[in-house]
């Protein structure tokens, strides 16, 4: 059963600005996300924008925004097939379980100046 749906769009220019602020990416992204994206240059920034949109979409699907969750406790990665998956740790896992969530479906897209994500929570 679907418990929540969230969608979010992020302007890539926002991430380009964040990149110039020391420590900000470490505050907003899980270390695995940064390890995968940063060596990819401009494509990596697109990837991080889509991942940030996914985090925002998760908060919308939960109906609480990101209150009480550390953004580093949410990791969006890709399986070898390319399929995106969302991993939750500590604060994010607690919020998800309190909501009654059992499974997360996620879709990401990005092109030029925009990135978007859709998150569906099943219970």
PDB file of N, CA and C in Angstrom:
ATOM      1  N   UNK A   1       0.844  -1.177   0.000  1.00  0.00           N
ATOM      2  CA  UNK A   1       0.000   0.000   0.000  1.00  0.00           C
ATOM      3  C   UNK A   1       0.895   1.248   0.000  1.00  0.00           C
ATOM      4  N   UNK A   2       0.518   2.230  -0.804  1.00  0.00           N
ATOM      5  CA  UNK A   2       1.262   3.491  -0.856  1.00  0.00           C
ATOM      6  C   UNK A   2       0.879   4.353   0.345  1.00  0.00           C
ATOM      7  N   UNK A   3       1.892   4.770   1.108  1.00  0.00           N
ATOM      8  CA  UNK A   3       1.672   5.627   2.275  1.00  0.00           C
ATOM      9  C   UNK A   3       1.980   7.092   1.989  1.00  0.00           C
ATOM     10  N   UNK A   4       2.873   7.341   1.035  1.00  0.00           N
ATOM     11  CA  UNK A   4       3.251   8.719   0.749  1.00  0.00           C
ATOM     12  C   UNK A   4       3.960   8.852  -0.584  1.00  0.00           C
ATOM     13  N   UNK A   5       3.781  10.006  -1.213  1.00  0.00           N
ATOM     14  CA  UNK A   5       4.441  10.327  -2.476  1.00  0.00           C
ATOM     15  C   UNK A   5       5.012  11.737  -2.345  1.00  0.00           C
ATOM     16  N   UNK A   6       6.240  11.907  -2.815  1.00  0.00           N
ATOM     17  CA  UNK A   6       6.861  13.230  -2.805  1.00  0.00           C
ATOM     18  C   UNK A   6       7.588  13.485  -4.102  1.00  0.00           C
ATOM     19  N   UNK A   7       7.638  14.735  -4.500  1.00  0.00           N
ATOM     20  CA  UNK A   7       8.369  15.139  -5.707  1.00  0.00           C
ATOM     21  C   UNK A   7       9.089  16.444  -5.402  1.00  0.00           C
ATOM     22  N   UNK A   8      10.264  16.621  -6.009  1.00  0.00           N
ATOM     23  CA  UNK A   8      10.987  17.869  -5.804  1.00  0.00           C
ATOM     24  C   UNK A   8      11.858  18.145  -7.024  1.00  0.00           C
ATOM     25  N   UNK A   9      12.085  19.421  -7.283  1.00  0.00           N
ATOM     26  CA  UNK A   9      12.975  19.854  -8.367  1.00  0.00           C
ATOM     27  C   UNK A   9      14.021  20.789  -7.766  1.00  0.00           C
ATOM     28  N   UNK A  10      15.242  20.663  -8.247  1.00  0.00           N
ATOM     29  CA  UNK A  10      16.355  21.478  -7.764  1.00  0.00           C
ATOM     30  C   UNK A  10      17.042  22.112  -8.979  1.00  0.00           C
ATOM     31  N   UNK A  11      17.304  23.407  -8.893  1.00  0.00           N
ATOM     32  CA  UNK A  11      18.067  24.083  -9.933  1.00  0.00           C
ATOM     33  C   UNK A  11      19.549  23.776  -9.708  1.00  0.00           C
ATOM     34  N   UNK A  12      20.218  23.295 -10.708  1.00  0.00           N
ATOM     35  CA  UNK A  12      21.611  22.881 -10.614  1.00  0.00           C
ATOM     36  C   UNK A  12      22.505  24.042 -10.185  1.00  0.00           C
ATOM     37  N   UNK A  13      22.155  25.259 -10.559  1.00  0.00           N
ATOM     38  CA  UNK A  13      22.957  26.428 -10.175  1.00  0.00           C
ATOM     39  C   UNK A  13      23.070  26.546  -8.650  1.00  0.00           C
ATOM     40  N   UNK A  14      22.051  26.102  -7.951  1.00  0.00           N
ATOM     41  CA  UNK A  14      22.072  26.113  -6.483  1.00  0.00           C
ATOM     42  C   UNK A  14      23.225  25.245  -5.962  1.00  0.00           C
ATOM     43  N   UNK A  15      23.406  24.069  -6.552  1.00  0.00           N
ATOM     44  CA  UNK A  15      24.484  23.172  -6.133  1.00  0.00           C
ATOM     45  C   UNK A  15      25.845  23.731  -6.513  1.00  0.00           C
ATOM     46  N   UNK A  16      25.907  24.417  -7.633  1.00  0.00           N
ATOM     47  CA  UNK A  16      27.172  25.035  -8.043  1.00  0.00           C
ATOM     48  C   UNK A  16      27.591  26.097  -7.037  1.00  0.00           C
ATOM     49  N   UNK A  17      26.619  26.841  -6.505  1.00  0.00           N
ATOM     50  CA  UNK A  17      26.922  27.831  -5.458  1.00  0.00           C
ATOM     51  C   UNK A  17      27.368  27.135  -4.180  1.00  0.00           C
ATOM     52  N   UNK A  18      26.651  26.071  -3.804  1.00  0.00           N
ATOM     53  CA  UNK A  18      26.999  25.337  -2.581  1.00  0.00           C
ATOM     54  C   UNK A  18      28.413  24.788  -2.634  1.00  0.00           C
ATOM     55  N   UNK A  19      28.839  24.395  -3.827  1.00  0.00           N
ATOM     56  CA  UNK A  19      30.165  23.804  -3.987  1.00  0.00           C
ATOM     57  C   UNK A  19      31.259  24.774  -3.558  1.00  0.00           C
ATOM     58  N   UNK A  20      30.988  26.062  -3.617  1.00  0.00           N
ATOM     59  CA  UNK A  20      31.990  27.072  -3.260  1.00  0.00           C
ATOM     60  C   UNK A  20      32.036  27.351  -1.756  1.00  0.00           C
ATOM     61  N   UNK A  21      31.117  26.784  -0.995  1.00  0.00           N
ATOM     62  CA  UNK A  21      31.057  27.019   0.452  1.00  0.00           C
ATOM     63  C   UNK A  21      31.693  25.825   1.169  1.00  0.00           C
ATOM     64  N   UNK A  22      32.849  26.021   1.801  1.00  0.00           N
ATOM     65  CA  UNK A  22      33.557  24.911   2.448  1.00  0.00           C
ATOM     66  C   UNK A  22      32.668  24.169   3.460  1.00  0.00           C
ATOM     67  N   UNK A  23      32.655  22.848   3.348  1.00  0.00           N
ATOM     68  CA  UNK A  23      31.953  21.998   4.301  1.00  0.00           C
ATOM     69  C   UNK A  23      30.473  21.798   4.041  1.00  0.00           C
ATOM     70  N   UNK A  24      29.895  22.569   3.133  1.00  0.00           N
ATOM     71  CA  UNK A  24      28.446  22.479   2.927  1.00  0.00           C
ATOM     72  C   UNK A  24      28.030  21.144   2.318  1.00  0.00           C
ATOM     73  N   UNK A  25      28.768  20.674   1.331  1.00  0.00           N
ATOM     74  CA  UNK A  25      28.420  19.384   0.735  1.00  0.00           C
ATOM     75  C   UNK A  25      28.487  18.274   1.784  1.00  0.00           C
ATOM     76  N   UNK A  26      29.462  18.325   2.683  1.00  0.00           N
ATOM     77  CA  UNK A  26      29.577  17.292   3.726  1.00  0.00           C
ATOM     78  C   UNK A  26      28.387  17.331   4.672  1.00  0.00           C
ATOM     79  N   UNK A  27      27.781  18.488   4.815  1.00  0.00           N
ATOM     80  CA  UNK A  27      26.606  18.634   5.675  1.00  0.00           C
ATOM     81  C   UNK A  27      25.346  18.072   5.015  1.00  0.00           C
ATOM     82  N   UNK A  28      25.263  18.175   3.683  1.00  0.00           N
ATOM     83  CA  UNK A  28      24.055  17.803   2.961  1.00  0.00           C
ATOM     84  C   UNK A  28      24.075  16.414   2.336  1.00  0.00           C
ATOM     85  N   UNK A  29      25.283  15.823   2.183  1.00  0.00           N
ATOM     86  CA  UNK A  29      25.377  14.550   1.473  1.00  0.00           C
ATOM     87  C   UNK A  29      26.108  13.492   2.290  1.00  0.00           C
ATOM     88  N   UNK A  30      25.689  12.273   2.104  1.00  0.00           N
ATOM     89  CA  UNK A  30      26.349  11.117   2.717  1.00  0.00           C
ATOM     90  C   UNK A  30      27.730  10.966   2.073  1.00  0.00           C
ATOM     91  N   UNK A  31      28.734  10.518   2.829  1.00  0.00           N
ATOM     92  CA  UNK A  31      30.079  10.363   2.252  1.00  0.00           C
ATOM     93  C   UNK A  31      30.113   9.499   0.987  1.00  0.00           C
ATOM     94  N   UNK A  32      29.288   8.456   0.914  1.00  0.00           N
ATOM     95  CA  UNK A  32      29.266   7.607  -0.284  1.00  0.00           C
ATOM     96  C   UNK A  32      28.788   8.373  -1.517  1.00  0.00           C
ATOM     97  N   UNK A  33      27.829   9.289  -1.318  1.00  0.00           N
ATOM     98  CA  UNK A  33      27.345  10.100  -2.443  1.00  0.00           C
ATOM     99  C   UNK A  33      28.464  10.991  -2.973  1.00  0.00           C
ATOM    100  N   UNK A  34      29.192  11.612  -2.060  1.00  0.00           N
ATOM    101  CA  UNK A  34      30.282  12.506  -2.466  1.00  0.00           C
ATOM    102  C   UNK A  34      31.416  11.731  -3.128  1.00  0.00           C
ATOM    103  N   UNK A  35      31.724  10.578  -2.585  1.00  0.00           N
ATOM    104  CA  UNK A  35      32.795   9.742  -3.140  1.00  0.00           C
ATOM    105  C   UNK A  35      32.492   9.341  -4.583  1.00  0.00           C
ATOM    106  N   UNK A  36      31.230   9.092  -4.868  1.00  0.00           N
ATOM    107  CA  UNK A  36      30.822   8.686  -6.208  1.00  0.00           C
ATOM    108  C   UNK A  36      30.703   9.877  -7.159  1.00  0.00           C
ATOM    109  N   UNK A  37      30.176  10.996  -6.679  1.00  0.00           N
ATOM    110  CA  UNK A  37      29.861  12.124  -7.559  1.00  0.00           C
ATOM    111  C   UNK A  37      31.027  13.068  -7.830  1.00  0.00           C
ATOM    112  N   UNK A  38      31.796  13.400  -6.822  1.00  0.00           N
ATOM    113  CA  UNK A  38      32.788  14.466  -6.961  1.00  0.00           C
ATOM    114  C   UNK A  38      33.833  14.228  -8.056  1.00  0.00           C
ATOM    115  N   UNK A  39      34.318  13.012  -8.250  1.00  0.00           N
ATOM    116  CA  UNK A  39      35.304  12.812  -9.330  1.00  0.00           C
ATOM    117  C   UNK A  39      34.716  12.998 -10.737  1.00  0.00           C
ATOM    118  N   UNK A  40      33.404  13.099 -10.845  1.00  0.00           N
ATOM    119  CA  UNK A  40      32.746  13.186 -12.151  1.00  0.00           C
ATOM    120  C   UNK A  40      32.548  14.615 -12.637  1.00  0.00           C
ATOM    121  N   UNK A  41      33.042  15.608 -11.904  1.00  0.00           N
ATOM    122  CA  UNK A  41      32.964  17.005 -12.341  1.00  0.00           C
ATOM    123  C   UNK A  41      31.538  17.502 -12.496  1.00  0.00           C
ATOM    124  N   UNK A  42      31.237  18.135 -13.642  1.00  0.00           N
ATOM    125  CA  UNK A  42      29.914  18.724 -13.900  1.00  0.00           C
ATOM    126  C   UNK A  42      28.798  17.675 -13.838  1.00  0.00           C
ATOM    127  N   UNK A  43      29.064  16.486 -14.352  1.00  0.00           N
ATOM    128  CA  UNK A  43      28.062  15.412 -14.294  1.00  0.00           C
ATOM    129  C   UNK A  43      27.797  15.029 -12.838  1.00  0.00           C
ATOM    130  N   UNK A  44      28.830  15.084 -12.020  1.00  0.00           N
ATOM    131  CA  UNK A  44      28.670  14.801 -10.596  1.00  0.00           C
ATOM    132  C   UNK A  44      27.778  15.817  -9.903  1.00  0.00           C
ATOM    133  N   UNK A  45      27.873  17.081 -10.306  1.00  0.00           N
ATOM    134  CA  UNK A  45      27.017  18.118  -9.730  1.00  0.00           C
ATOM    135  C   UNK A  45      25.554  17.855 -10.106  1.00  0.00           C
ATOM    136  N   UNK A  46      25.316  17.458 -11.348  1.00  0.00           N
ATOM    137  CA  UNK A  46      23.959  17.076 -11.760  1.00  0.00           C
ATOM    138  C   UNK A  46      23.446  15.927 -10.899  1.00  0.00           C
ATOM    139  N   UNK A  47      24.302  14.965 -10.671  1.00  0.00           N
ATOM    140  CA  UNK A  47      23.954  13.804  -9.854  1.00  0.00           C
ATOM    141  C   UNK A  47      23.608  14.220  -8.428  1.00  0.00           C
ATOM    142  N   UNK A  48      24.415  15.091  -7.847  1.00  0.00           N
ATOM    143  CA  UNK A  48      24.135  15.548  -6.478  1.00  0.00           C
ATOM    144  C   UNK A  48      22.844  16.360  -6.420  1.00  0.00           C
ATOM    145  N   UNK A  49      22.564  17.135  -7.448  1.00  0.00           N
ATOM    146  CA  UNK A  49      21.313  17.902  -7.480  1.00  0.00           C
ATOM    147  C   UNK A  49      20.113  16.957  -7.457  1.00  0.00           C
ATOM    148  N   UNK A  50      20.177  15.883  -8.242  1.00  0.00           N
ATOM    149  CA  UNK A  50      19.085  14.910  -8.250  1.00  0.00           C
ATOM    150  C   UNK A  50      18.969  14.221  -6.897  1.00  0.00           C
ATOM    151  N   UNK A  51      20.088  13.946  -6.261  1.00  0.00           N
ATOM    152  CA  UNK A  51      20.070  13.294  -4.951  1.00  0.00           C
ATOM    153  C   UNK A  51      19.503  14.227  -3.879  1.00  0.00           C
ATOM    154  N   UNK A  52      19.837  15.503  -3.968  1.00  0.00           N
ATOM    155  CA  UNK A  52      19.259  16.450  -3.018  1.00  0.00           C
ATOM    156  C   UNK A  52      17.742  16.544  -3.235  1.00  0.00           C
ATOM    157  N   UNK A  53      17.305  16.546  -4.483  1.00  0.00           N
ATOM    158  CA  UNK A  53      15.868  16.558  -4.776  1.00  0.00           C
ATOM    159  C   UNK A  53      15.201  15.317  -4.179  1.00  0.00           C
ATOM    160  N   UNK A  54      15.883  14.181  -4.225  1.00  0.00           N
ATOM    161  CA  UNK A  54      15.325  12.943  -3.657  1.00  0.00           C
ATOM    162  C   UNK A  54      15.160  13.065  -2.145  1.00  0.00           C
ATOM    163  N   UNK A  55      16.100  13.699  -1.482  1.00  0.00           N
ATOM    164  CA  UNK A  55      15.997  13.884  -0.034  1.00  0.00           C
ATOM    165  C   UNK A  55      14.800  14.774   0.311  1.00  0.00           C
ATOM    166  N   UNK A  56      14.638  15.847  -0.462  1.00  0.00           N
ATOM    167  CA  UNK A  56      13.487  16.728  -0.262  1.00  0.00           C
ATOM    168  C   UNK A  56      12.180  15.986  -0.555  1.00  0.00           C
ATOM    169  N   UNK A  57      12.169  15.173  -1.604  1.00  0.00           N
ATOM    170  CA  UNK A  57      10.974  14.405  -1.961  1.00  0.00           C
ATOM    171  C   UNK A  57      10.637  13.397  -0.866  1.00  0.00           C
ATOM    172  N   UNK A  58      11.657  12.819  -0.230  1.00  0.00           N
ATOM    173  CA  UNK A  58      11.407  11.906   0.890  1.00  0.00           C
ATOM    174  C   UNK A  58      10.682  12.638   2.015  1.00  0.00           C
ATOM    175  N   UNK A  59      11.164  13.831   2.354  1.00  0.00           N
ATOM    176  CA  UNK A  59      10.515  14.607   3.406  1.00  0.00           C
ATOM    177  C   UNK A  59       9.066  14.913   3.078  1.00  0.00           C
ATOM    178  N   UNK A  60       8.793  15.189   1.815  1.00  0.00           N
ATOM    179  CA  UNK A  60       7.410  15.452   1.389  1.00  0.00           C
ATOM    180  C   UNK A  60       6.567  14.193   1.461  1.00  0.00           C
ATOM    181  N   UNK A  61       7.147  13.067   1.068  1.00  0.00           N
ATOM    182  CA  UNK A  61       6.410  11.801   1.130  1.00  0.00           C
ATOM    183  C   UNK A  61       6.088  11.427   2.576  1.00  0.00           C
ATOM    184  N   UNK A  62       6.990  11.753   3.491  1.00  0.00           N
ATOM    185  CA  UNK A  62       6.761  11.484   4.912  1.00  0.00           C
ATOM    186  C   UNK A  62       5.771  12.475   5.522  1.00  0.00           C
ATOM    187  N   UNK A  63       5.598  13.614   4.858  1.00  0.00           N
ATOM    188  CA  UNK A  63       4.670  14.625   5.356  1.00  0.00           C
ATOM    189  C   UNK A  63       5.228  15.475   6.472  1.00  0.00           C
ATOM    190  N   UNK A  64       6.547  15.402   6.702  1.00  0.00           N
ATOM    191  CA  UNK A  64       7.155  16.169   7.797  1.00  0.00           C
ATOM    192  C   UNK A  64       8.287  17.067   7.321  1.00  0.00           C
ATOM    193  N   UNK A  65       8.526  17.091   6.028  1.00  0.00           N
ATOM    194  CA  UNK A  65       9.703  17.786   5.540  1.00  0.00           C
ATOM    195  C   UNK A  65      10.929  17.054   6.044  1.00  0.00           C
ATOM    196  N   UNK A  66      11.999  17.761   6.259  1.00  0.00           N
ATOM    197  CA  UNK A  66      13.229  17.122   6.731  1.00  0.00           C
ATOM    198  C   UNK A  66      13.478  17.367   8.214  1.00  0.00           C
ATOM    199  N   UNK A  67      12.458  17.853   8.909  1.00  0.00           N
ATOM    200  CA  UNK A  67      12.581  18.091  10.352  1.00  0.00           C
ATOM    201  C   UNK A  67      12.975  16.813  11.082  1.00  0.00           C
ATOM    202  N   UNK A  68      13.980  16.937  11.919  1.00  0.00           N
ATOM    203  CA  UNK A  68      14.403  15.804  12.735  1.00  0.00           C
ATOM    204  C   UNK A  68      15.292  14.810  12.009  1.00  0.00           C
ATOM    205  N   UNK A  69      15.636  15.096  10.742  1.00  0.00           N
ATOM    206  CA  UNK A  69      16.497  14.184   9.990  1.00  0.00           C
ATOM    207  C   UNK A  69      17.763  14.919   9.551  1.00  0.00           C
ATOM    208  N   UNK A  70      18.895  14.265   9.697  1.00  0.00           N
ATOM    209  CA  UNK A  70      20.150  14.795   9.168  1.00  0.00           C
ATOM    210  C   UNK A  70      20.264  14.354   7.711  1.00  0.00           C
ATOM    211  N   UNK A  71      20.578  15.278   6.827  1.00  0.00           N
ATOM    212  CA  UNK A  71      20.660  14.942   5.405  1.00  0.00           C
ATOM    213  C   UNK A  71      21.726  13.891   5.112  1.00  0.00           C
ATOM    214  N   UNK A  72      22.792  13.846   5.919  1.00  0.00           N
ATOM    215  CA  UNK A  72      23.821  12.834   5.713  1.00  0.00           C
ATOM    216  C   UNK A  72      23.313  11.440   6.057  1.00  0.00           C
ATOM    217  N   UNK A  73      22.169  11.356   6.728  1.00  0.00           N
ATOM    218  CA  UNK A  73      21.570  10.059   7.086  1.00  0.00           C
ATOM    219  C   UNK A  73      20.710   9.495   5.958  1.00  0.00           C
ATOM    220  N   UNK A  74      20.719  10.170   4.820  1.00  0.00           N
ATOM    221  CA  UNK A  74      20.002   9.714   3.621  1.00  0.00           C
ATOM    222  C   UNK A  74      21.042   9.597   2.506  1.00  0.00           C
ATOM    223  N   UNK A  75      21.132   8.413   1.923  1.00  0.00           N
ATOM    224  CA  UNK A  75      22.086   8.198   0.838  1.00  0.00           C
ATOM    225  C   UNK A  75      21.345   7.668  -0.383  1.00  0.00           C
ATOM    226  N   UNK A  76      21.531   8.335  -1.504  1.00  0.00           N
ATOM    227  CA  UNK A  76      20.933   7.891  -2.768  1.00  0.00           C
ATOM    228  C   UNK A  76      22.069   7.395  -3.649  1.00  0.00           C
ATOM    229  N   UNK A  77      22.028   6.129  -3.974  1.00  0.00           N
ATOM    230  CA  UNK A  77      23.077   5.497  -4.767  1.00  0.00           C
ATOM    231  C   UNK A  77      22.440   4.793  -5.963  1.00  0.00           C
ATOM    232  N   UNK A  78      23.277   4.259  -6.832  1.00  0.00           N
ATOM    233  CA  UNK A  78      22.781   3.508  -7.972  1.00  0.00           C
ATOM    234  C   UNK A  78      23.290   2.072  -7.898  1.00  0.00           C
ATOM    235  N   UNK A  79      22.392   1.139  -8.188  1.00  0.00           N
ATOM    236  CA  UNK A  79      22.803  -0.248  -8.323  1.00  0.00           C
ATOM    237  C   UNK A  79      23.637  -0.381  -9.598  1.00  0.00           C
ATOM    238  N   UNK A  80      24.288  -1.507  -9.788  1.00  0.00           N
ATOM    239  CA  UNK A  80      25.078  -1.731 -11.004  1.00  0.00           C
ATOM    240  C   UNK A  80      24.235  -1.579 -12.263  1.00  0.00           C
ATOM    241  N   UNK A  81      22.943  -1.863 -12.146  1.00  0.00           N
ATOM    242  CA  UNK A  81      22.027  -1.721 -13.283  1.00  0.00           C
ATOM    243  C   UNK A  81      21.723  -0.260 -13.609  1.00  0.00           C
ATOM    244  N   UNK A  82      22.065   0.634 -12.689  1.00  0.00           N
ATOM    245  CA  UNK A  82      21.759   2.051 -12.847  1.00  0.00           C
ATOM    246  C   UNK A  82      20.547   2.496 -12.047  1.00  0.00           C
ATOM    247  N   UNK A  83      19.771   1.539 -11.551  1.00  0.00           N
ATOM    248  CA  UNK A  83      18.565   1.856 -10.774  1.00  0.00           C
ATOM    249  C   UNK A  83      18.953   2.590  -9.484  1.00  0.00           C
ATOM    250  N   UNK A  84      18.315   3.741  -9.215  1.00  0.00           N
ATOM    251  CA  UNK A  84      18.608   4.454  -7.963  1.00  0.00           C
ATOM    252  C   UNK A  84      17.924   3.784  -6.775  1.00  0.00           C
ATOM    253  N   UNK A  85      18.618   3.787  -5.646  1.00  0.00           N
ATOM    254  CA  UNK A  85      18.079   3.261  -4.396  1.00  0.00           C
ATOM    255  C   UNK A  85      18.395   4.255  -3.287  1.00  0.00           C
ATOM    256  N   UNK A  86      17.537   4.279  -2.280  1.00  0.00           N
ATOM    257  CA  UNK A  86      17.727   5.191  -1.157  1.00  0.00           C
ATOM    258  C   UNK A  86      17.997   4.362   0.096  1.00  0.00           C
ATOM    259  N   UNK A  87      19.097   4.702   0.770  1.00  0.00           N
ATOM    260  CA  UNK A  87      19.462   4.053   2.027  1.00  0.00           C
ATOM    261  C   UNK A  87      19.261   5.061   3.152  1.00  0.00           C
ATOM    262  N   UNK A  88      18.655   4.600   4.234  1.00  0.00           N
ATOM    263  CA  UNK A  88      18.384   5.472   5.376  1.00  0.00           C
ATOM    264  C   UNK A  88      19.172   5.004   6.590  1.00  0.00           C
ATOM    265  N   UNK A  89      19.725   5.950   7.309  1.00  0.00           N
ATOM    266  CA  UNK A  89      20.513   5.672   8.503  1.00  0.00           C
ATOM    267  C   UNK A  89      19.981   6.527   9.659  1.00  0.00           C
ATOM    268  N   UNK A  90      20.271   6.125  10.835  1.00  0.00           N
ATOM    269  CA  UNK A  90      19.982   6.841  12.082  1.00  0.00           C
ATOM    270  C   UNK A  90      18.681   7.650  12.050  1.00  0.00           C
ATOM    271  N   UNK A  91      18.779   8.987  11.996  1.00  0.00           N
ATOM    272  CA  UNK A  91      17.597   9.844  12.141  1.00  0.00           C
ATOM    273  C   UNK A  91      16.579   9.610  11.029  1.00  0.00           C
ATOM    274  N   UNK A  92      17.047   9.405   9.809  1.00  0.00           N
ATOM    275  CA  UNK A  92      16.128   9.182   8.679  1.00  0.00           C
ATOM    276  C   UNK A  92      15.435   7.827   8.804  1.00  0.00           C
ATOM    277  N   UNK A  93      16.165   6.816   9.241  1.00  0.00           N
ATOM    278  CA  UNK A  93      15.573   5.488   9.426  1.00  0.00           C
ATOM    279  C   UNK A  93      14.488   5.532  10.505  1.00  0.00           C
ATOM    280  N   UNK A  94      14.763   6.255  11.588  1.00  0.00           N
ATOM    281  CA  UNK A  94      13.757   6.372  12.661  1.00  0.00           C
ATOM    282  C   UNK A  94      12.485   7.043  12.157  1.00  0.00           C
ATOM    283  N   UNK A  95      12.636   8.135  11.404  1.00  0.00           N
ATOM    284  CA  UNK A  95      11.461   8.841  10.870  1.00  0.00           C
ATOM    285  C   UNK A  95      10.673   7.945   9.926  1.00  0.00           C
ATOM    286  N   UNK A  96      11.370   7.215   9.075  1.00  0.00           N
ATOM    287  CA  UNK A  96      10.744   6.313   8.101  1.00  0.00           C
ATOM    288  C   UNK A  96       9.978   5.202   8.817  1.00  0.00           C
ATOM    289  N   UNK A  97      10.588   4.603   9.809  1.00  0.00           N
ATOM    290  CA  UNK A  97       9.925   3.518  10.550  1.00  0.00           C
ATOM    291  C   UNK A  97       8.737   4.037  11.349  1.00  0.00           C
ATOM    292  N   UNK A  98       8.875   5.229  11.942  1.00  0.00           N
ATOM    293  CA  UNK A  98       7.752   5.819  12.692  1.00  0.00           C
ATOM    294  C   UNK A  98       6.558   6.073  11.783  1.00  0.00           C
ATOM    295  N   UNK A  99       6.841   6.383  10.532  1.00  0.00           N
ATOM    296  CA  UNK A  99       5.802   6.635   9.536  1.00  0.00           C
ATOM    297  C   UNK A  99       5.109   5.343   9.108  1.00  0.00           C
ATOM    298  N   UNK A 100       5.767   4.211   9.354  1.00  0.00           N
ATOM    299  CA  UNK A 100       5.221   2.924   8.942  1.00  0.00           C
ATOM    300  C   UNK A 100       5.747   2.461   7.596  1.00  0.00           C
ATOM    301  N   UNK A 101       6.793   3.111   7.110  1.00  0.00           N
ATOM    302  CA  UNK A 101       7.350   2.758   5.813  1.00  0.00           C
ATOM    303  C   UNK A 101       8.056   1.419   5.821  1.00  0.00           C
ATOM    304  N   UNK A 102       7.910   0.701   4.723  1.00  0.00           N
ATOM    305  CA  UNK A 102       8.571  -0.597   4.549  1.00  0.00           C
ATOM    306  C   UNK A 102       9.505  -0.594   3.350  1.00  0.00           C
ATOM    307  N   UNK A 103       9.170   0.178   2.316  1.00  0.00           N
ATOM    308  CA  UNK A 103       9.934   0.152   1.071  1.00  0.00           C
ATOM    309  C   UNK A 103       9.868   1.530   0.413  1.00  0.00           C
ATOM    310  N   UNK A 104      10.962   1.904  -0.260  1.00  0.00           N
ATOM    311  CA  UNK A 104      11.021   3.184  -0.966  1.00  0.00           C
ATOM    312  C   UNK A 104      11.267   2.927  -2.448  1.00  0.00           C
ATOM    313  N   UNK A 105      10.451   3.550  -3.272  1.00  0.00           N
ATOM    314  CA  UNK A 105      10.675   3.572  -4.718  1.00  0.00           C
ATOM    315  C   UNK A 105      11.132   4.980  -5.068  1.00  0.00           C
ATOM    316  N   UNK A 106      12.103   5.081  -5.972  1.00  0.00           N
ATOM    317  CA  UNK A 106      12.666   6.386  -6.278  1.00  0.00           C
ATOM    318  C   UNK A 106      12.971   6.484  -7.767  1.00  0.00           C
ATOM    319  N   UNK A 107      12.743   7.664  -8.316  1.00  0.00           N
ATOM    320  CA  UNK A 107      13.109   7.940  -9.699  1.00  0.00           C
ATOM    321  C   UNK A 107      13.799   9.300  -9.740  1.00  0.00           C
ATOM    322  N   UNK A 108      14.910   9.378 -10.481  1.00  0.00           N
ATOM    323  CA  UNK A 108      15.693  10.606 -10.595  1.00  0.00           C
ATOM    324  C   UNK A 108      15.805  11.009 -12.061  1.00  0.00           C
ATOM    325  N   UNK A 109      15.903  12.308 -12.300  1.00  0.00           N
ATOM    326  CA  UNK A 109      16.153  12.790 -13.648  1.00  0.00           C
ATOM    327  C   UNK A 109      16.870  14.132 -13.556  1.00  0.00           C
ATOM    328  N   UNK A 110      17.732  14.395 -14.519  1.00  0.00           N
ATOM    329  CA  UNK A 110      18.386  15.700 -14.577  1.00  0.00           C
ATOM    330  C   UNK A 110      18.763  16.012 -16.009  1.00  0.00           C
ATOM    331  N   UNK A 111      18.723  17.311 -16.307  1.00  0.00           N
ATOM    332  CA  UNK A 111      19.133  17.780 -17.617  1.00  0.00           C
ATOM    333  C   UNK A 111      19.489  19.262 -17.510  1.00  0.00           C
ATOM    334  N   UNK A 112      20.653  19.604 -17.944  1.00  0.00           N
ATOM    335  CA  UNK A 112      21.167  20.964 -17.959  1.00  0.00           C
ATOM    336  C   UNK A 112      21.032  21.658 -16.615  1.00  0.00           C
ATOM    337  N   UNK A 113      19.985  22.436 -16.405  1.00  0.00           N
ATOM    338  CA  UNK A 113      19.874  23.257 -15.196  1.00  0.00           C
ATOM    339  C   UNK A 113      18.867  22.773 -14.164  1.00  0.00           C
ATOM    340  N   UNK A 114      18.257  21.629 -14.385  1.00  0.00           N
ATOM    341  CA  UNK A 114      17.261  21.138 -13.444  1.00  0.00           C
ATOM    342  C   UNK A 114      17.456  19.658 -13.149  1.00  0.00           C
ATOM    343  N   UNK A 115      17.169  19.296 -11.910  1.00  0.00           N
ATOM    344  CA  UNK A 115      17.183  17.901 -11.497  1.00  0.00           C
ATOM    345  C   UNK A 115      15.906  17.664 -10.705  1.00  0.00           C
ATOM    346  N   UNK A 116      15.328  16.473 -10.858  1.00  0.00           N
ATOM    347  CA  UNK A 116      14.121  16.193 -10.117  1.00  0.00           C
ATOM    348  C   UNK A 116      14.105  14.772  -9.628  1.00  0.00           C
ATOM    349  N   UNK A 117      13.290  14.551  -8.606  1.00  0.00           N
ATOM    350  CA  UNK A 117      13.155  13.217  -8.031  1.00  0.00           C
ATOM    351  C   UNK A 117      11.725  12.996  -7.574  1.00  0.00           C
ATOM    352  N   UNK A 118      11.316  11.741  -7.662  1.00  0.00           N
ATOM    353  CA  UNK A 118      10.034  11.303  -7.143  1.00  0.00           C
ATOM    354  C   UNK A 118      10.308  10.164  -6.178  1.00  0.00           C
ATOM    355  N   UNK A 119       9.674  10.217  -5.014  1.00  0.00           N
ATOM    356  CA  UNK A 119       9.805   9.173  -4.004  1.00  0.00           C
ATOM    357  C   UNK A 119       8.420   8.660  -3.652  1.00  0.00           C
ATOM    358  N   UNK A 120       8.271   7.345  -3.640  1.00  0.00           N
ATOM    359  CA  UNK A 120       7.032   6.690  -3.210  1.00  0.00           C
ATOM    360  C   UNK A 120       7.384   5.808  -2.022  1.00  0.00           C
ATOM    361  N   UNK A 121       6.633   5.964  -0.944  1.00  0.00           N
ATOM    362  CA  UNK A 121       6.826   5.134   0.245  1.00  0.00           C
ATOM    363  C   UNK A 121       5.702   4.122   0.306  1.00  0.00           C
ATOM    364  N   UNK A 122       6.089   2.853   0.415  1.00  0.00           N
ATOM    365  CA  UNK A 122       5.121   1.773   0.572  1.00  0.00           C
ATOM    366  C   UNK A 122       5.169   1.270   2.005  1.00  0.00           C
ATOM    367  N   UNK A 123       4.006   0.831   2.485  1.00  0.00           N
ATOM    368  CA  UNK A 123       3.928   0.313   3.837  1.00  0.00           C
ATOM    369  C   UNK A 123       3.257  -1.023   3.865  1.00  0.00           C
TER     370      UNK A 123
END
